[in-house]
Amino acid sequence: MIRNILLVLLFLSTLHSHEKAVATYNASGSVTDLVYKDSKLYAATDSGCVDIFDTATQKIIHKIEVAQITDFMGDSTNSKVYSIDIISDKVLLLSQGKKGARRVHIYQDETLKLVLPDTQRLFIAKVNFLDENTIILGLLSNEIISYDIQKQEANYRVQVSQSKFSNFVLSEDKEEIIIADESGNLKIHDTKTGQFKSKLSGQNLDNVFQVDTKNGVIATAGQDRRVVIYTPKSEAAYYKTSDFLIYSVGLSPSGEIVGYSSDERNNITVFNTITKKHLGVYGGNKMTAIDILFINENDFFVATDDTLINQFKIK
């Protein structure tokens, strides 16, 4: 009898065990966005800087700092960096400006150049490079803008829908932009023209907080507690449910592995998108996940609304 009880307890402890981080990075402020390139981890923070980590040592080797701003009370305060992207040796930064507007900088050769000032009164939520001379902006008004850096003018400005903007992701060839909003549907537009191409719907029933795409697979994180996997080429889609709101999702380079924030304890659940096989639960994250970034099929980073970034390895 005792032996049977011990076996049951052992089974339950195994069932609820969580894989721990293999490395931890301590950023200068609460992390808002992550990018990985050439063995370096770039972390945007709310303390007015982008920390650049050497992943071999987990130490900060450089910081990109933006100037402080004046808040509504007239006091100087750090400019929150909302979004970052990298192309070649250029780092694109979206940061907080005056009176709620946003500004865009490009960092290159140890120089920070202002591309879009806050005087333009653009309320931008996210920025990405399309190429070295073109950036794409996702606005809180759910508009997308393609902007020519050299000409200092918009190539186009398109209203995606009347639903509140949440997130966007570019296809790996940067020919399409996939936009998520509070409708639960995903809108796909051509990045060269801004024209609407298609819509993915019927899976998320409420706001999609985040979207990712790799190798033709698309994954969403939903307020309806659903993580959805779309494979548009095969016209396939399915979802898995969680007991908690799903704030963040990330795909591996092959698109065959996905991680998502799965419960109120800030754990990340990982499964195979093809077989739907459960691959593990990864714990030790202190706050709500804001970014899950895979760098290969086995290693991924988790940033939360905190200074700590955890690195995990799938066994």
Protein backbone atom coordinates (compact mmCIF):
# COMPACT_ATOMS: atom_id res chain seq x y z
CA MET A 1 0.00 0.00 0.00
CA ILE A 2 2.75 2.44 1.02
CA ARG A 3 4.70 1.50 -2.10
CA ASN A 4 1.70 2.34 -4.29
CA ILE A 5 1.24 5.71 -2.55
CA LEU A 6 4.92 6.54 -3.10
CA LEU A 7 4.65 5.64 -6.78
CA VAL A 8 1.61 7.90 -7.17
CA LEU A 9 3.40 10.78 -5.41
CA LEU A 10 6.45 10.27 -7.62
CA PHE A 11 4.27 10.31 -10.73
CA LEU A 12 2.51 13.52 -9.63
CA SER A 13 5.79 15.26 -8.80
CA THR A 14 7.14 14.32 -12.25
CA LEU A 15 3.93 15.52 -13.89
CA HIS A 16 4.21 18.94 -12.25
CA SER A 17 8.00 19.35 -12.45
CA HIS A 18 9.31 22.28 -14.43
CA GLU A 19 12.54 22.61 -16.32
CA LYS A 20 14.78 25.35 -14.95
CA ALA A 21 16.76 28.00 -16.78
CA VAL A 22 20.26 27.09 -17.93
CA ALA A 23 21.33 30.75 -17.86
CA THR A 24 19.97 34.08 -16.62
CA TYR A 25 20.63 37.60 -17.87
CA ASN A 26 20.09 40.72 -15.75
CA ALA A 27 19.01 43.75 -17.77
CA SER A 28 19.17 47.43 -16.82
CA GLY A 29 15.40 47.69 -16.57
CA SER A 30 12.20 45.80 -17.27
CA VAL A 31 12.58 44.13 -20.68
CA THR A 32 10.21 45.09 -23.50
CA ASP A 33 11.68 43.32 -26.57
CA LEU A 34 14.39 40.82 -27.55
CA VAL A 35 16.51 40.27 -30.66
CA TYR A 36 19.32 37.74 -31.13
CA LYS A 37 22.14 38.04 -33.66
CA ASP A 38 25.70 36.68 -33.94
CA SER A 39 25.80 35.24 -30.40
CA LYS A 40 24.58 38.53 -28.94
CA LEU A 41 21.28 39.13 -27.19
CA TYR A 42 19.77 42.60 -27.56
CA ALA A 43 17.28 43.56 -24.84
CA ALA A 44 15.17 46.72 -25.06
CA THR A 45 14.27 48.10 -21.64
CA ASP A 46 12.06 50.68 -19.98
CA SER A 47 15.15 52.37 -18.51
CA GLY A 48 15.98 54.13 -21.77
CA CYS A 49 18.53 51.73 -23.17
CA VAL A 50 19.15 48.58 -25.16
CA ASP A 51 21.44 46.15 -23.37
CA ILE A 52 23.69 44.01 -25.55
CA PHE A 53 24.71 40.73 -23.91
CA ASP A 54 27.45 38.29 -24.82
CA THR A 55 25.61 34.97 -24.61
CA ALA A 56 28.84 33.14 -23.74
CA THR A 57 29.20 35.08 -20.48
CA GLN A 58 25.64 36.44 -19.96
CA LYS A 59 27.29 39.85 -19.31
CA ILE A 60 26.37 43.24 -20.79
CA ILE A 61 29.10 44.25 -23.24
CA HIS A 62 27.50 47.44 -24.56
CA LYS A 63 24.51 49.73 -24.09
CA ILE A 64 22.65 51.86 -26.58
CA GLU A 65 21.12 54.76 -24.68
CA VAL A 66 18.44 57.20 -25.82
CA ALA A 67 18.07 60.68 -24.36
CA GLN A 68 15.70 61.26 -21.47
CA ILE A 69 12.39 63.00 -22.05
CA THR A 70 10.29 65.45 -20.05
CA ASP A 71 7.13 63.92 -18.61
CA PHE A 72 3.72 65.54 -18.04
CA MET A 73 4.92 66.96 -14.72
CA GLY A 74 7.95 68.61 -16.29
CA ASP A 75 10.42 66.15 -14.78
CA SER A 76 13.16 64.34 -16.71
CA THR A 77 12.53 60.62 -17.03
CA ASN A 78 13.93 57.65 -18.91
CA SER A 79 12.53 57.05 -22.38
CA LYS A 80 11.06 53.55 -22.56
CA VAL A 81 12.33 51.57 -25.55
CA TYR A 82 9.33 49.68 -26.92
CA SER A 83 10.69 47.81 -29.92
CA ILE A 84 13.99 46.94 -31.62
CA ASP A 85 15.13 45.30 -34.85
CA ILE A 86 18.46 44.64 -36.57
CA ILE A 87 19.64 44.56 -40.17
CA SER A 88 23.34 44.28 -41.06
CA ASP A 89 25.08 46.55 -38.52
CA LYS A 90 22.07 48.79 -37.91
CA VAL A 91 19.86 48.68 -34.82
CA LEU A 92 16.36 50.17 -35.08
CA LEU A 93 14.85 51.57 -31.88
CA LEU A 94 11.33 52.75 -31.07
CA SER A 95 11.17 54.83 -27.90
CA GLN A 96 8.89 57.03 -25.86
CA GLY A 97 8.71 60.70 -26.82
CA LYS A 98 6.97 63.77 -25.48
CA LYS A 99 3.23 63.79 -24.72
CA GLY A 100 2.80 60.10 -25.50
CA ALA A 101 4.16 60.26 -29.05
CA ARG A 102 6.95 57.96 -30.19
CA ARG A 103 10.29 58.48 -31.89
CA VAL A 104 12.49 56.22 -34.01
CA HIS A 105 16.29 56.05 -34.03
CA ILE A 106 18.88 54.00 -35.93
CA TYR A 107 22.12 53.10 -34.17
CA GLN A 108 25.16 52.47 -36.38
CA ASP A 109 28.92 52.93 -35.92
CA GLU A 110 28.37 53.98 -32.29
CA THR A 111 26.12 56.83 -33.42
CA LEU A 112 22.42 57.23 -32.68
CA LYS A 113 20.55 58.98 -35.51
CA LEU A 114 16.99 60.28 -35.18
CA VAL A 115 14.86 58.98 -38.06
CA LEU A 116 11.36 59.98 -36.92
CA PRO A 117 10.98 62.64 -34.20
CA ASP A 118 8.12 62.73 -31.71
CA THR A 119 7.01 66.01 -33.28
CA GLN A 120 5.48 63.88 -36.06
CA ARG A 121 2.91 62.83 -33.41
CA LEU A 122 2.95 59.21 -34.51
CA PHE A 123 1.72 56.78 -31.87
CA ILE A 124 3.77 53.79 -32.95
CA ALA A 125 3.58 50.39 -31.24
CA LYS A 126 6.22 48.46 -33.18
CA VAL A 127 8.90 48.98 -35.85
CA ASN A 128 10.82 46.62 -38.13
CA PHE A 129 13.26 46.92 -41.01
CA LEU A 130 11.98 45.95 -44.46
CA ASP A 131 15.40 46.70 -45.94
CA GLU A 132 18.28 48.99 -45.06
CA ASN A 133 16.42 52.06 -46.31
CA THR A 134 12.82 51.13 -45.46
CA ILE A 135 11.11 50.59 -42.12
CA ILE A 136 7.56 49.50 -41.40
CA LEU A 137 5.58 50.97 -38.52
CA GLY A 138 2.61 49.49 -36.71
CA LEU A 139 0.48 52.25 -35.15
CA LEU A 140 -1.81 52.01 -32.14
CA SER A 141 -4.60 53.13 -34.50
CA ASN A 142 -4.07 49.83 -36.38
CA GLU A 143 -2.45 51.50 -39.37
CA ILE A 144 0.76 50.36 -41.04
CA ILE A 145 3.23 52.77 -42.60
CA SER A 146 6.11 51.95 -44.92
CA TYR A 147 8.68 54.73 -44.46
CA ASP A 148 11.59 55.65 -46.75
CA ILE A 149 14.50 56.72 -44.54
CA GLN A 150 16.44 58.61 -47.22
CA LYS A 151 13.45 60.46 -48.68
CA GLN A 152 11.99 61.00 -45.19
CA GLU A 153 8.52 60.21 -46.42
CA ALA A 154 5.94 57.44 -46.32
CA ASN A 155 5.66 55.02 -49.23
CA TYR A 156 2.13 54.22 -48.08
CA ARG A 157 -0.15 54.43 -45.06
CA VAL A 158 -2.89 51.79 -44.75
CA GLN A 159 -5.72 51.39 -42.25
CA VAL A 160 -5.76 47.66 -41.44
CA SER A 161 -9.09 47.64 -39.58
CA GLN A 162 -11.00 49.53 -36.90
CA SER A 163 -9.99 46.97 -34.25
CA LYS A 164 -7.34 47.87 -31.69
CA PHE A 165 -3.80 46.99 -32.82
CA SER A 166 -1.90 44.35 -30.86
CA ASN A 167 1.17 43.12 -32.72
CA PHE A 168 2.66 42.34 -36.10
CA VAL A 169 5.31 40.03 -37.50
CA LEU A 170 7.03 39.96 -40.88
CA SER A 171 7.39 36.82 -42.96
CA GLU A 172 11.00 35.68 -43.20
CA ASP A 173 11.30 36.95 -46.78
CA LYS A 174 9.74 40.24 -45.58
CA GLU A 175 7.19 40.17 -48.38
CA GLU A 176 4.20 39.90 -46.03
CA ILE A 177 3.19 41.49 -42.75
CA ILE A 178 0.83 39.58 -40.46
CA ILE A 179 -1.16 41.88 -38.18
CA ALA A 180 -2.92 40.82 -34.98
CA ASP A 181 -5.61 42.86 -33.24
CA GLU A 182 -8.50 42.63 -30.80
CA SER A 183 -10.82 41.02 -33.39
CA GLY A 184 -9.00 37.69 -33.13
CA ASN A 185 -8.43 37.61 -36.88
CA LEU A 186 -5.04 37.91 -38.55
CA LYS A 187 -4.74 40.25 -41.54
CA ILE A 188 -1.98 39.62 -44.07
CA HIS A 189 -0.78 42.54 -46.21
CA ASP A 190 1.82 42.91 -48.93
CA THR A 191 4.76 44.89 -47.54
CA LYS A 192 5.71 46.47 -50.89
CA THR A 193 2.29 47.96 -51.61
CA GLY A 194 0.42 47.72 -48.32
CA GLN A 195 -2.43 45.93 -50.08
CA PHE A 196 -4.56 43.42 -48.17
CA LYS A 197 -3.92 39.82 -49.26
CA SER A 198 -5.83 37.48 -46.97
CA LYS A 199 -7.31 36.88 -43.54
CA LEU A 200 -6.95 34.02 -41.06
CA SER A 201 -9.96 33.65 -38.79
CA GLY A 202 -12.21 31.31 -36.85
CA GLN A 203 -9.68 30.17 -34.25
CA ASN A 204 -9.10 33.04 -31.80
CA LEU A 205 -12.36 34.52 -30.50
CA ASP A 206 -10.88 37.60 -28.84
CA ASN A 207 -7.83 39.84 -28.76
CA VAL A 208 -4.62 38.27 -30.08
CA PHE A 209 -1.82 39.63 -27.90
CA GLN A 210 1.07 38.36 -29.99
CA VAL A 211 1.85 36.60 -33.27
CA ASP A 212 4.93 34.82 -34.63
CA THR A 213 5.79 33.07 -37.89
CA LYS A 214 8.58 30.74 -38.96
CA ASN A 215 8.93 28.56 -42.05
CA GLY A 216 5.34 29.11 -43.13
CA VAL A 217 3.84 28.32 -39.72
CA ILE A 218 1.99 31.04 -37.77
CA ALA A 219 1.31 30.96 -34.02
CA THR A 220 -0.83 33.27 -31.91
CA ALA A 221 -1.21 34.08 -28.21
CA GLY A 222 -4.82 34.86 -27.32
CA GLN A 223 -6.84 36.55 -24.62
CA ASP A 224 -9.32 33.71 -25.12
CA ARG A 225 -6.72 31.35 -23.60
CA ARG A 226 -5.97 29.77 -26.95
CA VAL A 227 -2.65 29.26 -28.66
CA VAL A 228 -3.44 28.84 -32.35
CA ILE A 229 -1.29 27.17 -34.99
CA TYR A 230 -1.96 28.11 -38.62
CA THR A 231 -0.31 26.47 -41.61
CA PRO A 232 -1.73 28.55 -44.49
CA LYS A 233 -0.05 26.56 -47.26
CA SER A 234 -1.92 23.43 -46.26
CA GLU A 235 -5.00 25.40 -45.14
CA ALA A 236 -4.74 23.78 -41.71
CA ALA A 237 -5.37 25.31 -38.29
CA TYR A 238 -5.96 24.15 -34.74
CA TYR A 239 -5.73 25.49 -31.21
CA LYS A 240 -4.79 24.37 -27.71
CA THR A 241 -6.42 25.85 -24.65
CA SER A 242 -4.86 27.08 -21.43
CA ASP A 243 -6.20 27.81 -17.96
CA PHE A 244 -4.90 31.37 -18.18
CA LEU A 245 -4.62 34.23 -20.67
CA ILE A 246 -1.83 33.56 -23.16
CA TYR A 247 0.27 36.70 -23.47
CA SER A 248 3.27 35.48 -25.45
CA VAL A 249 4.20 32.91 -28.08
CA GLY A 250 7.34 31.99 -30.02
CA LEU A 251 8.26 29.52 -32.77
CA SER A 252 11.53 27.73 -33.46
CA PRO A 253 13.25 28.40 -36.83
CA SER A 254 11.68 25.29 -38.40
CA GLY A 255 8.22 26.18 -37.12
CA GLU A 256 7.97 22.69 -35.63
CA ILE A 257 8.31 23.77 -31.99
CA VAL A 258 6.28 26.41 -30.20
CA GLY A 259 6.42 27.85 -26.71
CA TYR A 260 3.66 29.85 -25.04
CA SER A 261 2.94 31.41 -21.65
CA SER A 262 0.53 28.91 -20.19
CA ASP A 263 -0.50 29.71 -16.62
CA GLU A 264 -0.65 32.27 -13.82
CA ARG A 265 2.71 31.02 -12.48
CA ASN A 266 4.46 32.42 -15.57
CA ASN A 267 5.48 29.01 -16.90
CA ILE A 268 6.17 28.36 -20.59
CA THR A 269 4.71 25.25 -22.19
CA VAL A 270 6.42 23.83 -25.29
CA PHE A 271 4.99 21.40 -27.83
CA ASN A 272 5.55 20.10 -31.35
CA THR A 273 3.33 21.93 -33.84
CA ILE A 274 3.10 18.91 -36.19
CA THR A 275 2.57 16.01 -33.79
CA LYS A 276 1.08 18.20 -31.00
CA LYS A 277 3.34 16.29 -28.60
CA HIS A 278 4.00 17.98 -25.25
CA LEU A 279 7.72 18.69 -24.85
CA GLY A 280 7.92 20.27 -21.40
CA VAL A 281 7.08 23.10 -19.04
CA TYR A 282 9.74 25.71 -18.25
CA GLY A 283 9.52 27.63 -15.00
CA GLY A 284 11.25 30.15 -12.81
CA ASN A 285 9.99 33.24 -14.66
CA LYS A 286 9.12 35.94 -12.14
CA MET A 287 6.62 37.99 -14.11
CA THR A 288 4.28 37.76 -17.12
CA ALA A 289 6.11 36.73 -20.30
CA ILE A 290 6.44 39.45 -22.94
CA ASP A 291 8.72 37.65 -25.41
CA ILE A 292 9.66 34.05 -26.22
CA LEU A 293 12.61 33.95 -28.61
CA PHE A 294 13.94 30.70 -30.09
CA ILE A 295 17.48 30.83 -31.47
CA ASN A 296 17.49 27.22 -32.70
CA GLU A 297 15.43 24.06 -32.23
CA ASN A 298 16.61 23.52 -28.65
CA ASP A 299 17.39 26.87 -27.04
CA PHE A 300 15.07 29.77 -26.30
CA PHE A 301 14.93 32.95 -24.23
CA VAL A 302 12.03 34.18 -22.13
CA ALA A 303 11.73 37.85 -21.23
CA THR A 304 9.12 38.91 -18.69
CA ASP A 305 7.96 42.25 -17.37
CA ASP A 306 11.07 42.20 -15.19
CA THR A 307 14.84 42.74 -15.44
CA LEU A 308 15.64 39.02 -15.66
CA ILE A 309 15.82 37.08 -18.94
CA ASN A 310 15.90 33.29 -18.68
CA GLN A 311 17.49 30.95 -21.21
CA PHE A 312 16.12 27.42 -21.49
CA LYS A 313 17.14 24.25 -23.29
CA ILE A 314 14.69 21.63 -24.55
CA LYS A 315 15.84 18.20 -23.45
